[in-house]
N, C-alpha and C. Protein backbone atom coordinates (compact mmCIF):
# COMPACT_ATOMS: atom_id res chain seq x y z
N UNK A 1 -204.45 50.79 -38.98
CA UNK A 1 -203.19 50.01 -38.97
C UNK A 1 -203.40 48.72 -38.17
N UNK A 2 -203.08 47.55 -38.76
CA UNK A 2 -203.28 46.28 -38.05
C UNK A 2 -202.33 46.14 -36.86
N UNK A 3 -202.78 45.39 -35.85
CA UNK A 3 -201.96 45.15 -34.67
C UNK A 3 -200.91 44.09 -35.00
N UNK A 4 -199.66 44.39 -34.77
CA UNK A 4 -198.59 43.44 -35.05
C UNK A 4 -198.71 42.25 -34.10
N UNK A 5 -198.38 41.01 -34.59
CA UNK A 5 -198.45 39.83 -33.73
C UNK A 5 -197.67 39.98 -32.43
N UNK A 6 -196.48 40.59 -32.52
CA UNK A 6 -195.65 40.76 -31.33
C UNK A 6 -196.34 41.66 -30.32
N UNK A 7 -196.94 42.73 -30.80
CA UNK A 7 -197.64 43.66 -29.92
C UNK A 7 -198.84 42.99 -29.28
N UNK A 8 -199.58 42.19 -30.06
CA UNK A 8 -200.74 41.49 -29.53
C UNK A 8 -200.32 40.48 -28.46
N UNK A 9 -199.23 39.77 -28.72
CA UNK A 9 -198.73 38.82 -27.73
C UNK A 9 -198.37 39.53 -26.43
N UNK A 10 -197.72 40.67 -26.53
CA UNK A 10 -197.33 41.43 -25.34
C UNK A 10 -198.56 41.88 -24.56
N UNK A 11 -199.60 42.28 -25.28
CA UNK A 11 -200.84 42.73 -24.64
C UNK A 11 -201.52 41.58 -23.91
N UNK A 12 -201.61 40.43 -24.58
CA UNK A 12 -202.22 39.25 -23.95
C UNK A 12 -201.42 38.84 -22.71
N UNK A 13 -200.11 38.80 -22.87
CA UNK A 13 -199.25 38.38 -21.76
C UNK A 13 -199.44 39.30 -20.54
N UNK A 14 -199.42 40.58 -20.77
CA UNK A 14 -199.57 41.56 -19.68
C UNK A 14 -200.93 41.43 -19.01
N UNK A 15 -201.97 41.27 -19.81
CA UNK A 15 -203.33 41.18 -19.28
C UNK A 15 -203.54 39.92 -18.44
N UNK A 16 -203.13 38.78 -18.98
CA UNK A 16 -203.34 37.51 -18.29
C UNK A 16 -202.48 37.41 -17.02
N UNK A 17 -201.25 37.87 -17.10
CA UNK A 17 -200.39 37.84 -15.91
C UNK A 17 -201.00 38.68 -14.79
N UNK A 18 -201.56 39.83 -15.14
CA UNK A 18 -202.18 40.70 -14.13
C UNK A 18 -203.40 40.02 -13.51
N UNK A 19 -204.20 39.38 -14.34
CA UNK A 19 -205.39 38.69 -13.83
C UNK A 19 -205.00 37.51 -12.94
N UNK A 20 -203.97 36.81 -13.33
CA UNK A 20 -203.52 35.66 -12.55
C UNK A 20 -202.99 36.08 -11.19
N UNK A 21 -202.26 37.18 -11.18
CA UNK A 21 -201.71 37.69 -9.93
C UNK A 21 -202.81 38.11 -8.95
N UNK A 22 -203.96 38.49 -9.50
CA UNK A 22 -205.05 38.98 -8.66
C UNK A 22 -205.87 37.86 -8.02
N UNK A 23 -205.61 36.63 -8.41
CA UNK A 23 -206.32 35.51 -7.80
C UNK A 23 -205.94 35.40 -6.32
N UNK A 24 -206.90 35.43 -5.40
CA UNK A 24 -206.58 35.27 -3.98
C UNK A 24 -205.91 33.92 -3.72
N UNK A 25 -205.01 33.89 -2.76
CA UNK A 25 -204.24 32.67 -2.47
C UNK A 25 -205.14 31.48 -2.16
N UNK A 26 -206.20 31.70 -1.39
CA UNK A 26 -207.07 30.59 -1.01
C UNK A 26 -207.84 30.04 -2.22
N UNK A 27 -208.22 30.92 -3.13
CA UNK A 27 -208.90 30.48 -4.35
C UNK A 27 -207.92 29.70 -5.22
N UNK A 28 -206.68 30.17 -5.29
CA UNK A 28 -205.68 29.50 -6.11
C UNK A 28 -205.44 28.07 -5.62
N UNK A 29 -205.46 27.87 -4.31
CA UNK A 29 -205.28 26.52 -3.75
C UNK A 29 -206.39 25.60 -4.23
N UNK A 30 -207.62 26.09 -4.20
CA UNK A 30 -208.76 25.28 -4.65
C UNK A 30 -208.63 24.95 -6.14
N UNK A 31 -208.27 25.95 -6.94
CA UNK A 31 -208.13 25.74 -8.39
C UNK A 31 -206.99 24.78 -8.70
N UNK A 32 -205.87 24.93 -8.01
CA UNK A 32 -204.73 24.03 -8.22
C UNK A 32 -205.10 22.58 -7.94
N UNK A 33 -205.85 22.37 -6.88
CA UNK A 33 -206.27 21.02 -6.51
C UNK A 33 -207.19 20.44 -7.57
N UNK A 34 -208.14 21.25 -8.05
CA UNK A 34 -209.10 20.79 -9.06
C UNK A 34 -208.38 20.44 -10.37
N UNK A 35 -207.43 21.29 -10.77
CA UNK A 35 -206.69 21.04 -12.00
C UNK A 35 -205.87 19.76 -11.88
N UNK A 36 -205.19 19.61 -10.74
CA UNK A 36 -204.35 18.42 -10.53
C UNK A 36 -205.18 17.14 -10.60
N UNK A 37 -206.33 17.13 -9.96
CA UNK A 37 -207.18 15.94 -9.97
C UNK A 37 -207.66 15.63 -11.38
N UNK A 38 -208.01 16.65 -12.15
CA UNK A 38 -208.46 16.45 -13.52
C UNK A 38 -207.31 15.92 -14.38
N UNK A 39 -206.12 16.47 -14.15
CA UNK A 39 -204.94 16.06 -14.91
C UNK A 39 -204.58 14.60 -14.64
N UNK A 40 -204.71 14.19 -13.39
CA UNK A 40 -204.37 12.81 -13.04
C UNK A 40 -205.27 11.79 -13.73
N UNK A 41 -206.45 12.24 -14.18
CA UNK A 41 -207.39 11.32 -14.83
C UNK A 41 -207.23 11.28 -16.35
N UNK A 42 -206.39 12.15 -16.90
CA UNK A 42 -206.22 12.20 -18.34
C UNK A 42 -205.61 10.89 -18.85
N UNK A 43 -206.28 10.28 -19.81
CA UNK A 43 -205.85 8.96 -20.31
C UNK A 43 -204.41 8.98 -20.81
N UNK A 44 -204.06 10.03 -21.55
CA UNK A 44 -202.71 10.11 -22.12
C UNK A 44 -201.64 10.17 -21.03
N UNK A 45 -201.96 10.81 -19.92
CA UNK A 45 -201.02 10.84 -18.80
C UNK A 45 -200.94 9.46 -18.14
N UNK A 46 -202.08 8.87 -17.90
CA UNK A 46 -202.11 7.58 -17.19
C UNK A 46 -201.39 6.50 -17.98
N UNK A 47 -201.41 6.58 -19.30
CA UNK A 47 -200.76 5.59 -20.14
C UNK A 47 -199.24 5.75 -20.18
N UNK A 48 -198.77 6.95 -19.89
CA UNK A 48 -197.34 7.26 -20.02
C UNK A 48 -196.54 6.73 -18.83
N UNK A 49 -195.37 6.20 -19.13
CA UNK A 49 -194.45 5.76 -18.08
C UNK A 49 -193.38 6.81 -17.82
N UNK A 50 -193.08 7.65 -18.84
CA UNK A 50 -192.08 8.70 -18.69
C UNK A 50 -192.73 10.05 -18.96
N UNK A 51 -192.53 11.01 -18.05
CA UNK A 51 -193.19 12.31 -18.18
C UNK A 51 -192.18 13.45 -17.97
N UNK A 52 -192.44 14.54 -18.66
CA UNK A 52 -191.67 15.77 -18.46
C UNK A 52 -192.54 16.76 -17.72
N UNK A 53 -192.04 17.29 -16.62
CA UNK A 53 -192.77 18.28 -15.85
C UNK A 53 -191.96 19.56 -15.73
N UNK A 54 -192.38 20.42 -14.83
CA UNK A 54 -191.63 21.64 -14.53
C UNK A 54 -192.02 22.08 -13.12
N UNK A 55 -191.17 22.84 -12.48
CA UNK A 55 -191.46 23.35 -11.14
C UNK A 55 -191.97 24.78 -11.27
N UNK A 56 -193.12 25.03 -10.66
CA UNK A 56 -193.80 26.31 -10.82
C UNK A 56 -193.13 27.44 -10.04
N UNK A 57 -193.49 28.65 -10.43
CA UNK A 57 -193.06 29.84 -9.68
C UNK A 57 -194.15 30.89 -9.76
N UNK A 58 -194.13 31.81 -8.82
CA UNK A 58 -195.10 32.89 -8.83
C UNK A 58 -196.53 32.39 -8.70
N UNK A 59 -197.41 32.99 -9.47
CA UNK A 59 -198.84 32.70 -9.35
C UNK A 59 -199.34 31.68 -10.36
N UNK A 60 -198.42 30.99 -11.04
CA UNK A 60 -198.87 30.02 -12.04
C UNK A 60 -199.38 28.74 -11.39
N UNK A 61 -200.00 27.89 -12.18
CA UNK A 61 -200.49 26.60 -11.69
C UNK A 61 -199.40 25.89 -10.89
N UNK A 62 -199.78 25.34 -9.74
CA UNK A 62 -198.80 24.68 -8.85
C UNK A 62 -198.45 23.30 -9.40
N UNK A 63 -197.62 23.29 -10.43
CA UNK A 63 -197.27 22.04 -11.10
C UNK A 63 -196.55 21.07 -10.16
N UNK A 64 -195.95 21.59 -9.09
CA UNK A 64 -195.24 20.71 -8.16
C UNK A 64 -196.19 19.69 -7.54
N UNK A 65 -197.47 20.03 -7.43
CA UNK A 65 -198.46 19.07 -6.91
C UNK A 65 -198.55 17.86 -7.83
N UNK A 66 -198.60 18.14 -9.14
CA UNK A 66 -198.67 17.06 -10.13
C UNK A 66 -197.35 16.29 -10.18
N UNK A 67 -196.23 16.99 -10.11
CA UNK A 67 -194.92 16.35 -10.14
C UNK A 67 -194.79 15.34 -9.00
N UNK A 68 -195.21 15.75 -7.81
CA UNK A 68 -195.13 14.86 -6.64
C UNK A 68 -196.01 13.64 -6.83
N UNK A 69 -197.20 13.85 -7.38
CA UNK A 69 -198.12 12.73 -7.61
C UNK A 69 -197.57 11.78 -8.67
N UNK A 70 -196.96 12.35 -9.71
CA UNK A 70 -196.40 11.52 -10.78
C UNK A 70 -195.32 10.59 -10.23
N UNK A 71 -194.46 11.12 -9.39
CA UNK A 71 -193.42 10.30 -8.77
C UNK A 71 -194.04 9.23 -7.86
N UNK A 72 -195.05 9.63 -7.11
CA UNK A 72 -195.71 8.69 -6.19
C UNK A 72 -196.37 7.55 -6.96
N UNK A 73 -196.79 7.83 -8.19
CA UNK A 73 -197.43 6.79 -9.01
C UNK A 73 -196.42 5.93 -9.76
N UNK A 74 -195.13 6.23 -9.58
CA UNK A 74 -194.11 5.41 -10.21
C UNK A 74 -193.70 5.84 -11.60
N UNK A 75 -194.11 7.04 -12.00
CA UNK A 75 -193.69 7.54 -13.31
C UNK A 75 -192.20 7.90 -13.26
N UNK A 76 -191.55 7.80 -14.40
CA UNK A 76 -190.17 8.30 -14.51
C UNK A 76 -190.27 9.77 -14.91
N UNK A 77 -189.69 10.64 -14.09
CA UNK A 77 -189.89 12.08 -14.23
C UNK A 77 -188.64 12.80 -14.71
N UNK A 78 -188.83 13.64 -15.74
CA UNK A 78 -187.76 14.53 -16.19
C UNK A 78 -188.15 15.97 -15.87
N UNK A 79 -187.15 16.77 -15.49
CA UNK A 79 -187.37 18.19 -15.21
C UNK A 79 -186.33 19.02 -15.97
N UNK A 80 -186.68 20.25 -16.33
CA UNK A 80 -185.76 21.10 -17.10
C UNK A 80 -184.83 21.93 -16.24
N UNK A 81 -183.69 22.27 -16.81
CA UNK A 81 -182.74 23.20 -16.18
C UNK A 81 -182.23 24.15 -17.27
N UNK A 82 -182.21 25.43 -16.97
CA UNK A 82 -181.70 26.41 -17.93
C UNK A 82 -180.19 26.28 -18.05
N UNK A 83 -179.72 26.08 -19.28
CA UNK A 83 -178.28 26.05 -19.54
C UNK A 83 -177.86 27.47 -19.93
N UNK A 84 -177.11 28.12 -19.07
CA UNK A 84 -176.75 29.52 -19.30
C UNK A 84 -175.74 29.70 -20.42
N UNK A 85 -175.08 28.63 -20.82
CA UNK A 85 -174.10 28.72 -21.92
C UNK A 85 -174.79 28.66 -23.28
N UNK A 86 -175.83 27.81 -23.37
CA UNK A 86 -176.53 27.66 -24.65
C UNK A 86 -177.84 28.44 -24.69
N UNK A 87 -178.28 28.92 -23.52
CA UNK A 87 -179.56 29.62 -23.39
C UNK A 87 -180.72 28.71 -23.82
N UNK A 88 -180.58 27.43 -23.50
CA UNK A 88 -181.62 26.46 -23.80
C UNK A 88 -181.91 25.63 -22.56
N UNK A 89 -182.92 24.77 -22.65
CA UNK A 89 -183.26 23.89 -21.55
C UNK A 89 -182.59 22.54 -21.71
N UNK A 90 -181.92 22.08 -20.67
CA UNK A 90 -181.42 20.71 -20.62
C UNK A 90 -182.37 19.93 -19.72
N UNK A 91 -182.57 18.66 -20.03
CA UNK A 91 -183.51 17.83 -19.27
C UNK A 91 -182.77 16.77 -18.46
N UNK A 92 -183.27 16.53 -17.25
CA UNK A 92 -182.64 15.56 -16.35
C UNK A 92 -183.70 14.70 -15.68
N UNK A 93 -183.36 13.41 -15.48
CA UNK A 93 -184.23 12.52 -14.72
C UNK A 93 -184.11 12.85 -13.24
N UNK A 94 -185.24 12.92 -12.58
CA UNK A 94 -185.27 13.25 -11.14
C UNK A 94 -186.20 12.28 -10.43
N UNK A 95 -185.75 11.72 -9.30
CA UNK A 95 -186.63 10.87 -8.50
C UNK A 95 -186.65 11.25 -7.03
N UNK A 96 -185.89 12.29 -6.67
CA UNK A 96 -185.82 12.76 -5.29
C UNK A 96 -185.85 14.30 -5.30
N UNK A 97 -187.04 14.86 -5.17
CA UNK A 97 -187.18 16.31 -5.27
C UNK A 97 -186.42 17.06 -4.18
N UNK A 98 -186.34 16.45 -3.03
CA UNK A 98 -185.69 17.11 -1.89
C UNK A 98 -184.18 17.25 -2.10
N UNK A 99 -183.57 16.23 -2.64
CA UNK A 99 -182.11 16.20 -2.73
C UNK A 99 -181.54 16.50 -4.11
N UNK A 100 -182.38 16.42 -5.13
CA UNK A 100 -181.85 16.61 -6.49
C UNK A 100 -182.18 17.97 -7.09
N UNK A 101 -182.94 18.79 -6.36
CA UNK A 101 -183.32 20.11 -6.87
C UNK A 101 -182.74 21.22 -6.01
N UNK A 102 -182.50 22.37 -6.66
CA UNK A 102 -182.00 23.55 -5.97
C UNK A 102 -182.54 24.79 -6.70
N UNK A 103 -182.79 25.85 -5.97
CA UNK A 103 -183.29 27.08 -6.58
C UNK A 103 -182.30 27.61 -7.60
N UNK A 104 -182.80 27.89 -8.81
CA UNK A 104 -181.94 28.40 -9.88
C UNK A 104 -182.45 29.72 -10.40
N UNK A 105 -182.55 29.83 -11.72
CA UNK A 105 -182.98 31.06 -12.36
C UNK A 105 -184.37 31.46 -11.88
N UNK A 106 -184.53 32.72 -11.49
CA UNK A 106 -185.80 33.27 -10.98
C UNK A 106 -186.32 32.52 -9.75
N UNK A 107 -185.43 31.82 -9.07
CA UNK A 107 -185.83 31.10 -7.86
C UNK A 107 -186.56 29.81 -8.13
N UNK A 108 -186.64 29.40 -9.39
CA UNK A 108 -187.33 28.16 -9.74
C UNK A 108 -186.44 26.97 -9.39
N UNK A 109 -187.01 25.99 -8.71
CA UNK A 109 -186.22 24.81 -8.37
C UNK A 109 -185.93 24.01 -9.63
N UNK A 110 -184.67 23.63 -9.80
CA UNK A 110 -184.27 22.88 -11.00
C UNK A 110 -183.23 21.84 -10.63
N UNK A 111 -183.01 20.86 -11.50
CA UNK A 111 -182.09 19.76 -11.19
C UNK A 111 -180.66 20.23 -10.93
N UNK A 112 -180.02 19.56 -9.97
CA UNK A 112 -178.60 19.76 -9.73
C UNK A 112 -177.87 18.77 -10.64
N UNK A 113 -177.09 19.29 -11.56
CA UNK A 113 -176.48 18.47 -12.62
C UNK A 113 -175.72 17.28 -12.06
N UNK A 114 -174.97 17.49 -10.99
CA UNK A 114 -174.11 16.43 -10.45
C UNK A 114 -174.91 15.30 -9.81
N UNK A 115 -176.19 15.53 -9.57
CA UNK A 115 -177.00 14.53 -8.86
C UNK A 115 -178.04 13.86 -9.75
N UNK A 116 -178.03 14.18 -11.04
CA UNK A 116 -179.07 13.68 -11.94
C UNK A 116 -178.47 13.13 -13.23
N UNK A 117 -179.24 12.25 -13.86
CA UNK A 117 -178.87 11.71 -15.17
C UNK A 117 -179.55 12.55 -16.25
N UNK A 118 -178.81 12.93 -17.26
CA UNK A 118 -179.36 13.79 -18.31
C UNK A 118 -180.04 12.98 -19.41
N UNK A 119 -181.12 13.55 -19.98
CA UNK A 119 -181.77 12.96 -21.15
C UNK A 119 -181.07 13.49 -22.38
N UNK A 120 -181.03 12.67 -23.40
CA UNK A 120 -180.46 13.12 -24.66
C UNK A 120 -181.42 14.01 -25.44
N UNK A 121 -182.68 13.62 -25.46
CA UNK A 121 -183.68 14.41 -26.20
C UNK A 121 -185.09 14.05 -25.76
N UNK A 122 -186.05 14.74 -26.36
CA UNK A 122 -187.45 14.58 -25.97
C UNK A 122 -188.05 13.23 -26.33
N UNK A 123 -187.41 12.48 -27.22
CA UNK A 123 -188.04 11.22 -27.61
C UNK A 123 -187.96 10.16 -26.51
N UNK A 124 -187.32 10.50 -25.41
CA UNK A 124 -187.32 9.61 -24.25
C UNK A 124 -188.54 9.84 -23.36
N UNK A 125 -189.35 10.85 -23.71
CA UNK A 125 -190.51 11.24 -22.91
C UNK A 125 -191.81 10.91 -23.65
N UNK A 126 -192.79 10.37 -22.93
CA UNK A 126 -194.07 10.03 -23.55
C UNK A 126 -195.13 11.11 -23.35
N UNK A 127 -195.03 11.87 -22.27
CA UNK A 127 -196.04 12.88 -21.93
C UNK A 127 -195.32 14.10 -21.37
N UNK A 128 -195.55 15.27 -21.96
CA UNK A 128 -194.84 16.48 -21.55
C UNK A 128 -195.81 17.56 -21.12
N UNK A 129 -195.59 18.13 -19.93
CA UNK A 129 -196.37 19.25 -19.42
C UNK A 129 -195.59 20.53 -19.68
N UNK A 130 -196.24 21.50 -20.33
CA UNK A 130 -195.58 22.75 -20.68
C UNK A 130 -196.20 23.92 -19.92
N UNK A 131 -195.37 24.82 -19.40
CA UNK A 131 -195.91 26.02 -18.75
C UNK A 131 -196.31 27.04 -19.80
N UNK A 132 -197.03 28.07 -19.38
CA UNK A 132 -197.40 29.13 -20.31
C UNK A 132 -198.23 30.19 -19.62
N UNK A 133 -198.31 31.33 -20.27
CA UNK A 133 -199.10 32.44 -19.73
C UNK A 133 -200.54 32.35 -20.20
N UNK A 134 -200.73 32.04 -21.48
CA UNK A 134 -202.08 31.97 -22.05
C UNK A 134 -202.14 30.87 -23.09
N UNK A 135 -203.37 30.37 -23.30
CA UNK A 135 -203.58 29.30 -24.27
C UNK A 135 -204.88 29.55 -25.02
N UNK A 136 -204.93 29.11 -26.27
CA UNK A 136 -206.16 29.16 -27.05
C UNK A 136 -206.67 27.73 -27.24
N UNK A 137 -207.94 27.60 -27.55
CA UNK A 137 -208.55 26.27 -27.64
C UNK A 137 -208.01 25.44 -28.80
N UNK A 138 -207.33 26.07 -29.72
CA UNK A 138 -206.73 25.31 -30.82
C UNK A 138 -205.35 24.77 -30.45
N UNK A 139 -204.94 24.99 -29.18
CA UNK A 139 -203.65 24.48 -28.72
C UNK A 139 -202.53 25.50 -28.77
N UNK A 140 -202.79 26.70 -29.30
CA UNK A 140 -201.76 27.73 -29.34
C UNK A 140 -201.34 28.10 -27.91
N UNK A 141 -200.05 28.28 -27.73
CA UNK A 141 -199.49 28.56 -26.40
C UNK A 141 -198.69 29.85 -26.44
N UNK A 142 -198.89 30.69 -25.42
CA UNK A 142 -198.10 31.91 -25.26
C UNK A 142 -197.25 31.76 -24.00
N UNK A 143 -195.93 31.73 -24.19
CA UNK A 143 -195.03 31.57 -23.05
C UNK A 143 -194.69 32.90 -22.40
N UNK A 144 -193.61 32.87 -21.66
CA UNK A 144 -193.20 34.07 -20.92
C UNK A 144 -192.31 35.00 -21.75
N UNK A 145 -192.03 34.60 -22.98
CA UNK A 145 -191.29 35.47 -23.88
C UNK A 145 -189.80 35.21 -23.96
N UNK A 146 -189.34 34.16 -23.27
CA UNK A 146 -187.90 33.87 -23.27
C UNK A 146 -187.52 32.81 -24.30
N UNK A 147 -188.50 32.08 -24.79
CA UNK A 147 -188.26 31.15 -25.89
C UNK A 147 -187.63 29.83 -25.52
N UNK A 148 -187.49 29.53 -24.22
CA UNK A 148 -186.84 28.28 -23.82
C UNK A 148 -187.58 27.06 -24.36
N UNK A 149 -188.89 27.03 -24.19
CA UNK A 149 -189.66 25.86 -24.62
C UNK A 149 -189.80 25.81 -26.13
N UNK A 150 -189.82 26.96 -26.79
CA UNK A 150 -189.86 26.97 -28.25
C UNK A 150 -188.63 26.26 -28.80
N UNK A 151 -187.48 26.52 -28.22
CA UNK A 151 -186.24 25.88 -28.66
C UNK A 151 -186.27 24.38 -28.36
N UNK A 152 -186.80 24.02 -27.20
CA UNK A 152 -186.87 22.61 -26.83
C UNK A 152 -187.79 21.85 -27.78
N UNK A 153 -188.94 22.43 -28.07
CA UNK A 153 -189.91 21.76 -28.95
C UNK A 153 -189.42 21.71 -30.39
N UNK A 154 -188.56 22.64 -30.76
CA UNK A 154 -188.01 22.65 -32.12
C UNK A 154 -187.15 21.42 -32.38
N UNK A 155 -186.74 20.73 -31.31
CA UNK A 155 -185.91 19.54 -31.48
C UNK A 155 -186.74 18.33 -31.91
N UNK A 156 -188.07 18.46 -31.83
CA UNK A 156 -188.93 17.36 -32.26
C UNK A 156 -188.99 17.33 -33.79
N UNK A 157 -188.83 16.16 -34.35
CA UNK A 157 -188.86 16.00 -35.80
C UNK A 157 -189.90 14.94 -36.18
N UNK A 158 -190.44 15.01 -37.39
CA UNK A 158 -191.46 14.04 -37.82
C UNK A 158 -190.98 12.59 -37.76
N UNK A 159 -189.67 12.39 -37.89
CA UNK A 159 -189.16 11.01 -37.90
C UNK A 159 -188.77 10.50 -36.52
N UNK A 160 -189.13 11.26 -35.47
CA UNK A 160 -188.85 10.79 -34.12
C UNK A 160 -189.57 9.47 -33.87
N UNK A 161 -188.88 8.48 -33.31
CA UNK A 161 -189.53 7.19 -33.04
C UNK A 161 -190.66 7.32 -32.03
N UNK A 162 -190.53 8.28 -31.14
CA UNK A 162 -191.58 8.52 -30.15
C UNK A 162 -191.71 10.02 -29.93
N UNK A 163 -192.89 10.53 -30.10
CA UNK A 163 -193.14 11.96 -29.93
C UNK A 163 -194.04 12.14 -28.71
N UNK A 164 -193.64 12.95 -27.73
CA UNK A 164 -194.44 13.07 -26.52
C UNK A 164 -195.78 13.76 -26.76
N UNK A 165 -196.78 13.34 -26.00
CA UNK A 165 -198.05 14.06 -25.97
C UNK A 165 -197.80 15.38 -25.25
N UNK A 166 -198.20 16.50 -25.84
CA UNK A 166 -197.96 17.81 -25.25
C UNK A 166 -199.22 18.31 -24.57
N UNK A 167 -199.09 18.67 -23.30
CA UNK A 167 -200.23 19.14 -22.52
C UNK A 167 -199.86 20.36 -21.71
N UNK A 168 -200.87 21.07 -21.25
CA UNK A 168 -200.65 22.24 -20.40
C UNK A 168 -201.77 22.30 -19.37
N UNK A 169 -201.44 22.78 -18.19
CA UNK A 169 -202.43 22.99 -17.14
C UNK A 169 -202.46 24.49 -16.83
N UNK A 170 -203.66 25.04 -16.73
CA UNK A 170 -203.78 26.47 -16.54
C UNK A 170 -205.12 26.79 -15.89
N UNK A 171 -205.21 27.96 -15.30
CA UNK A 171 -206.49 28.42 -14.78
C UNK A 171 -207.38 28.80 -15.96
N UNK A 172 -208.69 28.69 -15.79
CA UNK A 172 -209.62 29.00 -16.87
C UNK A 172 -209.44 30.41 -17.39
N UNK A 173 -209.04 31.33 -16.53
CA UNK A 173 -208.86 32.72 -16.95
C UNK A 173 -207.70 32.88 -17.95
N UNK A 174 -206.87 31.86 -18.09
CA UNK A 174 -205.75 31.92 -19.02
C UNK A 174 -206.12 31.47 -20.43
N UNK A 175 -207.36 31.05 -20.63
CA UNK A 175 -207.82 30.65 -21.95
C UNK A 175 -208.32 31.89 -22.70
N UNK A 176 -207.73 32.13 -23.86
CA UNK A 176 -208.11 33.30 -24.67
C UNK A 176 -208.59 32.83 -26.04
N UNK A 177 -209.20 33.73 -26.79
CA UNK A 177 -209.78 33.37 -28.08
C UNK A 177 -208.73 33.11 -29.15
N UNK A 178 -207.65 33.90 -29.12
CA UNK A 178 -206.69 33.80 -30.22
C UNK A 178 -205.29 34.19 -29.75
N UNK A 179 -204.29 33.44 -30.21
CA UNK A 179 -202.89 33.76 -29.95
C UNK A 179 -202.15 33.71 -31.29
N UNK A 180 -201.50 34.78 -31.70
CA UNK A 180 -200.75 34.77 -32.97
C UNK A 180 -199.70 33.67 -32.95
N UNK A 181 -199.55 32.98 -34.09
CA UNK A 181 -198.60 31.87 -34.17
C UNK A 181 -197.59 32.09 -35.28
N UNK A 182 -196.36 31.68 -35.01
CA UNK A 182 -195.33 31.67 -36.05
C UNK A 182 -195.35 30.29 -36.70
N UNK A 183 -194.73 30.17 -37.84
CA UNK A 183 -194.72 28.89 -38.56
C UNK A 183 -194.03 27.80 -37.75
N UNK A 184 -193.11 28.20 -36.88
CA UNK A 184 -192.34 27.23 -36.10
C UNK A 184 -192.98 26.90 -34.74
N UNK A 185 -194.06 27.58 -34.38
CA UNK A 185 -194.69 27.33 -33.09
C UNK A 185 -195.31 25.93 -33.05
N UNK A 186 -195.22 25.31 -31.89
CA UNK A 186 -195.78 23.97 -31.69
C UNK A 186 -196.95 24.08 -30.71
N UNK A 187 -198.10 23.53 -31.10
CA UNK A 187 -199.29 23.61 -30.25
C UNK A 187 -199.36 22.43 -29.28
N UNK A 188 -200.02 22.65 -28.16
CA UNK A 188 -200.27 21.56 -27.22
C UNK A 188 -201.52 20.81 -27.68
N UNK A 189 -201.63 19.57 -27.25
CA UNK A 189 -202.77 18.73 -27.65
C UNK A 189 -203.87 18.73 -26.61
N UNK A 190 -203.49 19.03 -25.36
CA UNK A 190 -204.46 19.04 -24.27
C UNK A 190 -204.23 20.27 -23.38
N UNK A 191 -205.32 20.88 -22.93
CA UNK A 191 -205.25 21.95 -21.93
C UNK A 191 -206.20 21.56 -20.81
N UNK A 192 -205.69 21.52 -19.58
CA UNK A 192 -206.49 21.14 -18.44
C UNK A 192 -206.69 22.36 -17.54
N UNK A 193 -207.94 22.74 -17.31
CA UNK A 193 -208.25 23.83 -16.39
C UNK A 193 -209.07 23.25 -15.24
N UNK A 194 -209.43 24.10 -14.29
CA UNK A 194 -210.27 23.64 -13.18
C UNK A 194 -211.69 23.32 -13.64
N UNK A 195 -212.06 23.79 -14.84
CA UNK A 195 -213.42 23.62 -15.32
C UNK A 195 -213.58 22.54 -16.38
N UNK A 196 -212.52 22.29 -17.15
CA UNK A 196 -212.66 21.38 -18.28
C UNK A 196 -211.32 20.84 -18.76
N UNK A 197 -211.39 19.76 -19.52
CA UNK A 197 -210.23 19.20 -20.22
C UNK A 197 -210.46 19.44 -21.71
N UNK A 198 -209.61 20.25 -22.31
CA UNK A 198 -209.80 20.67 -23.70
C UNK A 198 -208.94 19.81 -24.63
N UNK A 199 -209.58 19.11 -25.55
CA UNK A 199 -208.88 18.32 -26.56
C UNK A 199 -208.64 19.24 -27.76
N UNK A 200 -207.45 19.80 -27.84
CA UNK A 200 -207.18 20.85 -28.82
C UNK A 200 -207.24 20.35 -30.26
N UNK A 201 -206.79 19.12 -30.50
CA UNK A 201 -206.74 18.63 -31.86
C UNK A 201 -208.12 18.46 -32.46
N UNK A 202 -209.15 18.36 -31.62
CA UNK A 202 -210.52 18.23 -32.09
C UNK A 202 -210.98 19.54 -32.73
N UNK A 203 -210.37 20.66 -32.27
CA UNK A 203 -210.81 21.97 -32.71
C UNK A 203 -210.11 22.43 -33.99
N UNK A 204 -209.15 21.67 -34.48
CA UNK A 204 -208.39 22.12 -35.64
C UNK A 204 -209.16 21.85 -36.94
C-alpha cells in the first residue's frame, strides 16, 4: 500500500522537528550566525528595498537576527500577524521592533495593529522570507501544518505587477530529498543553510 502524501508529510515534520530540537543551544547560535551572514550576501535580498520577514519561535532559525539587520540596512520591513477572525495572515510595516511588536499566538512576537500600517497585498514586497519545517532542493516547502503561508501565497497571481522573490533560511538538517506537493503549493526560489545557498529554480 503506497504512503499517502499527508502521512508522509506528518512523518517528515515529526522527524525534522525532533532533530532540530536536539541541536545544542551553543551549536544553534553558530549556525544561526552563519545562515544570517550568508543570507545578507544573497543578491536578490540586497537588491530589494521592501522585505517580508517573520519572528522566530522555538528551535527554528533565529530570523530575528536577519530582521534586525534588514532594518539596520534601511530596508522597509513587513511582518505577519495572525488574524483570528479570518484565520489568515495580515501583513504590517514595522520599523520599531521594541515598540511595535507584542507576543501573540504561540508566544511569537507580532505587530500591534494600532501601531503599524497594514499592507494591502504581497505585491508591495520584493523579497519574502518564509518559515518552514523542511525543504527540498526543488524548492518544495513543508510548513507547520496550519496553512497560514499557503493562504498568503495563494494571493499571488500571474498578473501581479511585482511578485516577491521567495526564500527560506533553515539548518542543513532540514533539507530532505522529497516533499509531497499539492497543485496549489508554491515553491521557494532560494534556500539558505549554514553550508550552502541553494538556487531551487536551477534544479527544476
